[in-house]
C-alpha atoms as a PDB file:
ATOM      1  CA  MET A   1    -128.431  53.832   3.712  1.00  0.00           C
ATOM      2  CA  LYS A   2    -126.542  52.753   6.865  1.00  0.00           C
ATOM      3  CA  LYS A   3    -123.421  52.617   4.954  1.00  0.00           C
ATOM      4  CA  THR A   4    -124.037  55.960   3.474  1.00  0.00           C
ATOM      5  CA  LEU A   5    -124.634  57.823   7.026  1.00  0.00           C
ATOM      6  CA  LEU A   6    -121.694  55.713   8.433  1.00  0.00           C
ATOM      7  CA  LEU A   7    -119.473  56.987   5.621  1.00  0.00           C
ATOM      8  CA  LEU A   8    -120.817  60.757   5.970  1.00  0.00           C
ATOM      9  CA  ALA A   9    -120.250  60.633   9.709  1.00  0.00           C
ATOM     10  CA  PHE A  10    -116.581  59.467   9.237  1.00  0.00           C
ATOM     11  CA  SER A  11    -115.914  62.135   6.776  1.00  0.00           C
ATOM     12  CA  ILE A  12    -117.571  64.666   9.198  1.00  0.00           C
ATOM     13  CA  LEU A  13    -115.193  63.429  12.147  1.00  0.00           C
ATOM     14  CA  LYS A  14    -112.240  63.191   9.858  1.00  0.00           C
ATOM     15  CA  ASN A  15    -112.557  66.906   8.502  1.00  0.00           C
ATOM     16  CA  ARG A  16    -113.738  67.981  11.828  1.00  0.00           C
ATOM     17  CA  GLY A  17    -117.038  69.069  10.256  1.00  0.00           C
ATOM     18  CA  GLU A  18    -115.686  71.686   7.800  1.00  0.00           C
ATOM     19  CA  ALA A  19    -117.654  70.263   4.849  1.00  0.00           C
ATOM     20  CA  LEU A  20    -121.027  69.929   6.645  1.00  0.00           C
ATOM     21  CA  GLY A  21    -120.436  73.222   8.192  1.00  0.00           C
ATOM     22  CA  GLN A  22    -119.921  74.947   4.842  1.00  0.00           C
ATOM     23  CA  MET A  23    -122.889  73.122   3.417  1.00  0.00           C
ATOM     24  CA  THR A  24    -125.290  74.196   6.302  1.00  0.00           C
ATOM     25  CA  SER A  25    -124.064  77.726   6.390  1.00  0.00           C
ATOM     26  CA  MET A  26    -124.377  78.051   2.685  1.00  0.00           C
ATOM     27  CA  LEU A  27    -127.822  76.430   2.575  1.00  0.00           C
ATOM     28  CA  LYS A  28    -128.986  77.881   5.986  1.00  0.00           C
ATOM     29  CA  ILE A  29    -130.512  74.511   7.261  1.00  0.00           C
ATOM     30  CA  LYS A  30    -129.628  72.261  10.016  1.00  0.00           C
ATOM     31  CA  PRO A  31    -127.005  69.665   9.751  1.00  0.00           C
ATOM     32  CA  ILE A  32    -129.402  66.825  10.387  1.00  0.00           C
ATOM     33  CA  THR A  33    -131.391  67.999   7.545  1.00  0.00           C
ATOM     34  CA  VAL A  34    -128.497  67.730   5.319  1.00  0.00           C
ATOM     35  CA  MET A  35    -127.671  64.281   6.411  1.00  0.00           C
ATOM     36  CA  ALA A  36    -131.385  63.273   5.944  1.00  0.00           C
ATOM     37  CA  LEU A  37    -131.255  64.515   2.436  1.00  0.00           C
ATOM     38  CA  ILE A  38    -128.123  62.946   1.541  1.00  0.00           C
ATOM     39  CA  GLY A  39    -129.582  59.590   2.915  1.00  0.00           C
ATOM     40  CA  ALA A  40    -132.796  60.010   1.018  1.00  0.00           C
ATOM     41  CA  ALA A  41    -130.813  60.592  -2.130  1.00  0.00           C
ATOM     42  CA  ALA A  42    -128.740  57.551  -1.664  1.00  0.00           C
ATOM     43  CA  TYR A  43    -131.786  55.346  -0.871  1.00  0.00           C
ATOM     44  CA  THR A  44    -133.330  56.622  -3.992  1.00  0.00           C
ATOM     45  CA  GLY A  45    -130.471  55.988  -6.131  1.00  0.00           C
ATOM     46  CA  ASN A  46    -129.900  52.649  -4.831  1.00  0.00           C
ATOM     47  CA  PHE A  47    -133.631  51.789  -5.388  1.00  0.00           C
ATOM     48  CA  LEU A  48    -133.653  53.105  -9.065  1.00  0.00           C
ATOM     49  CA  HIS A  49    -130.346  51.113  -9.642  1.00  0.00           C
ATOM     50  CA  LEU A  50    -132.006  48.041  -8.588  1.00  0.00           C
ATOM     51  CA  LYS A  51    -135.191  48.816 -10.510  1.00  0.00           C
ATOM     52  CA  ALA A  52    -133.172  49.467 -13.769  1.00  0.00           C
ATOM     53  CA  ALA A  53    -131.385  45.961 -13.307  1.00  0.00           C
ATOM     54  CA  SER A  54    -134.652  44.212 -14.079  1.00  0.00           C
ATOM     55  CA  HIS A  55    -135.207  46.172 -17.260  1.00  0.00           C
ATOM     56  CA  VAL A  56    -131.658  46.905 -18.660  1.00  0.00           C
ATOM     57  CA  PRO A  57    -128.770  44.577 -19.298  1.00  0.00           C
ATOM     58  CA  ALA A  58    -125.804  45.007 -17.049  1.00  0.00           C
ATOM     59  CA  SER A  59    -123.601  45.985 -19.846  1.00  0.00           C
ATOM     60  CA  VAL A  60    -125.561  48.786 -20.454  1.00  0.00           C
ATOM     61  CA  GLN A  61    -126.517  49.846 -17.029  1.00  0.00           C
ATOM     62  CA  PHE A  62    -123.222  49.803 -15.339  1.00  0.00           C
ATOM     63  CA  PRO A  63    -121.568  52.383 -17.848  1.00  0.00           C
ATOM     64  CA  LEU A  64    -124.661  54.722 -17.679  1.00  0.00           C
ATOM     65  CA  VAL A  65    -124.849  54.802 -13.746  1.00  0.00           C
ATOM     66  CA  SER A  66    -121.040  55.193 -13.359  1.00  0.00           C
ATOM     67  CA  GLY A  67    -120.746  57.694 -16.058  1.00  0.00           C
ATOM     68  CA  GLY A  68    -123.908  59.695 -15.008  1.00  0.00           C
ATOM     69  CA  VAL A  69    -122.384  60.562 -11.714  1.00  0.00           C
ATOM     70  CA  ILE A  70    -119.843  62.664 -13.468  1.00  0.00           C
ATOM     71  CA  VAL A  71    -122.390  64.522 -15.489  1.00  0.00           C
ATOM     72  CA  ILE A  72    -124.933  64.872 -12.710  1.00  0.00           C
ATOM     73  CA  SER A  73    -122.255  66.026 -10.329  1.00  0.00           C
ATOM     74  CA  ALA A  74    -121.011  68.751 -12.638  1.00  0.00           C
ATOM     75  CA  PHE A  75    -124.639  70.017 -13.187  1.00  0.00           C
ATOM     76  CA  VAL A  76    -125.553  70.087  -9.429  1.00  0.00           C
ATOM     77  CA  SER A  77    -122.358  71.901  -8.720  1.00  0.00           C
ATOM     78  CA  PHE A  78    -123.030  74.428 -11.342  1.00  0.00           C
ATOM     79  CA  LEU A  79    -126.830  74.895 -10.340  1.00  0.00           C
ATOM     80  CA  LEU A  80    -126.785  74.462  -6.593  1.00  0.00           C
ATOM     81  CA  PHE A  81    -123.226  75.704  -5.536  1.00  0.00           C
ATOM     82  CA  LYS A  82    -123.093  78.338  -8.469  1.00  0.00           C
ATOM     83  CA  GLU A  83    -119.594  76.935  -9.226  1.00  0.00           C
ATOM     84  CA  ARG A  84    -117.979  78.625 -12.272  1.00  0.00           C
ATOM     85  CA  VAL A  85    -117.303  75.856 -14.824  1.00  0.00           C
ATOM     86  CA  SER A  86    -114.876  76.896 -17.750  1.00  0.00           C
ATOM     87  CA  LYS A  87    -115.532  75.732 -21.499  1.00  0.00           C
ATOM     88  CA  LYS A  88    -112.853  73.290 -21.168  1.00  0.00           C
ATOM     89  CA  GLU A  89    -114.456  71.565 -18.179  1.00  0.00           C
ATOM     90  CA  TRP A  90    -117.816  71.521 -19.815  1.00  0.00           C
ATOM     91  CA  LEU A  91    -116.200  69.923 -22.861  1.00  0.00           C
ATOM     92  CA  SER A  92    -114.647  67.360 -20.618  1.00  0.00           C
ATOM     93  CA  VAL A  93    -118.191  66.605 -18.979  1.00  0.00           C
ATOM     94  CA  ALA A  94    -119.474  66.360 -22.718  1.00  0.00           C
ATOM     95  CA  GLY A  95    -116.703  64.039 -23.526  1.00  0.00           C
ATOM     96  CA  ALA A  96    -117.328  61.740 -20.360  1.00  0.00           C
ATOM     97  CA  PHE A  97    -121.001  61.597 -21.190  1.00  0.00           C
ATOM     98  CA  LEU A  98    -120.377  60.728 -24.832  1.00  0.00           C
ATOM     99  CA  SER A  99    -117.880  58.119 -23.968  1.00  0.00           C
ATOM    100  CA  THR A 100    -120.223  56.643 -21.567  1.00  0.00           C
ATOM    101  CA  VAL A 101    -122.866  56.496 -24.296  1.00  0.00           C
ATOM    102  CA  LEU A 102    -120.522  55.002 -26.901  1.00  0.00           C
ATOM    103  CA  PHE A 103    -119.230  52.508 -24.404  1.00  0.00           C
ATOM    104  CA  ALA A 104    -122.851  51.398 -23.373  1.00  0.00           C
ATOM    105  CA  PHE A 105    -124.045  50.979 -26.802  1.00  0.00           C
END
């Protein structure tokens, strides 16, 4: 979690706070709340990743975790940020998901 917050802080300083400013103005919440939510999400993801490591072979877990980021990012950007996604882009997301599943099994 410390690494996540450090990287977020570095990104904010590098971009002069533009990304965080856009996020806070769009969601109408304070920057510290956004940073806490990002940290909580990172902690939850790492915790679930470790839990899965004890139940799923690494050859299955790694492709699902790394490929899942693409799919989840596409859905979050569509649902939360109302980003328009073309049919070609949805096809790309479906292809990424399908290739991850095929690679895992």
